[in-house]
Amino acid sequence: MLGLAPPNANLAGYGAAALVYLLVKRPGWPFWLALVPVVLAVPALSFALSKLWALRAA
């Protein structure tokens, strides 16, 4: 996932889950509304990390 080592890829997934948890539990957003930032952030983060990985100096 994302060209990261398995432990780092797992941490990225936990970060998305933590974002949903914080948006649902702290401000009390409905679950579907808390998924909107995740749906927008995860693809953007995946794209950025993929570019960094692909274009890194050899």
Protein backbone atom coordinates (compact mmCIF):
# COMPACT_ATOMS: atom_id res chain seq x y z
CA MET A 1 0.00 0.00 0.00
CA LEU A 2 1.37 3.39 -1.01
CA GLY A 3 4.79 1.87 -1.60
CA LEU A 4 5.43 1.88 2.15
CA ALA A 5 6.90 -0.86 4.27
CA PRO A 6 4.10 -2.95 5.86
CA PRO A 7 4.32 -1.34 9.33
CA ASN A 8 4.18 2.16 7.83
CA ALA A 9 1.26 1.26 5.56
CA ASN A 10 -0.62 -0.06 8.58
CA LEU A 11 0.01 3.19 10.41
CA ALA A 12 -1.42 5.13 7.46
CA GLY A 13 -4.59 3.01 7.64
CA TYR A 14 -4.86 3.52 11.37
CA GLY A 15 -4.56 7.26 10.79
CA ALA A 16 -7.63 7.23 8.54
CA ALA A 17 -9.57 5.20 11.10
CA ALA A 18 -8.47 7.56 13.86
CA LEU A 19 -9.70 10.54 11.85
CA VAL A 20 -13.17 8.99 11.53
CA TYR A 21 -13.20 8.11 15.23
CA LEU A 22 -12.24 11.63 16.27
CA LEU A 23 -14.82 13.25 14.02
CA VAL A 24 -17.61 10.95 15.23
CA LYS A 25 -16.81 10.86 18.94
CA ARG A 26 -15.50 14.36 19.69
CA PRO A 27 -17.76 16.77 17.76
CA GLY A 28 -20.50 14.16 17.39
CA TRP A 29 -20.67 14.11 13.60
CA PRO A 30 -22.78 11.37 12.00
CA PHE A 31 -20.69 8.50 10.65
CA TRP A 32 -21.46 9.27 7.00
CA LEU A 33 -20.36 12.89 7.43
CA ALA A 34 -17.11 11.84 9.12
CA LEU A 35 -16.27 9.71 6.08
CA VAL A 36 -16.27 12.73 3.76
CA PRO A 37 -12.87 14.10 4.91
CA VAL A 38 -11.43 10.58 4.77
CA VAL A 39 -12.72 10.03 1.24
CA LEU A 40 -11.05 13.28 0.22
CA ALA A 41 -7.84 12.93 2.25
CA VAL A 42 -6.90 9.29 1.61
CA PRO A 43 -6.70 9.49 -2.20
CA ALA A 44 -4.78 12.78 -2.02
CA LEU A 45 -2.36 11.34 0.51
CA SER A 46 -1.97 8.15 -1.54
CA PHE A 47 -1.20 10.19 -4.64
CA ALA A 48 1.33 12.40 -2.86
CA LEU A 49 3.12 9.49 -1.19
CA SER A 50 3.19 7.53 -4.45
CA LYS A 51 4.77 10.49 -6.24
CA LEU A 52 7.36 10.87 -3.49
CA TRP A 53 8.16 7.17 -3.64
CA ALA A 54 8.33 6.99 -7.44
CA LEU A 55 10.41 10.15 -7.86
CA ARG A 56 12.81 9.61 -4.97
CA ALA A 57 16.54 9.69 -5.69
CA ALA A 58 17.93 6.23 -6.38
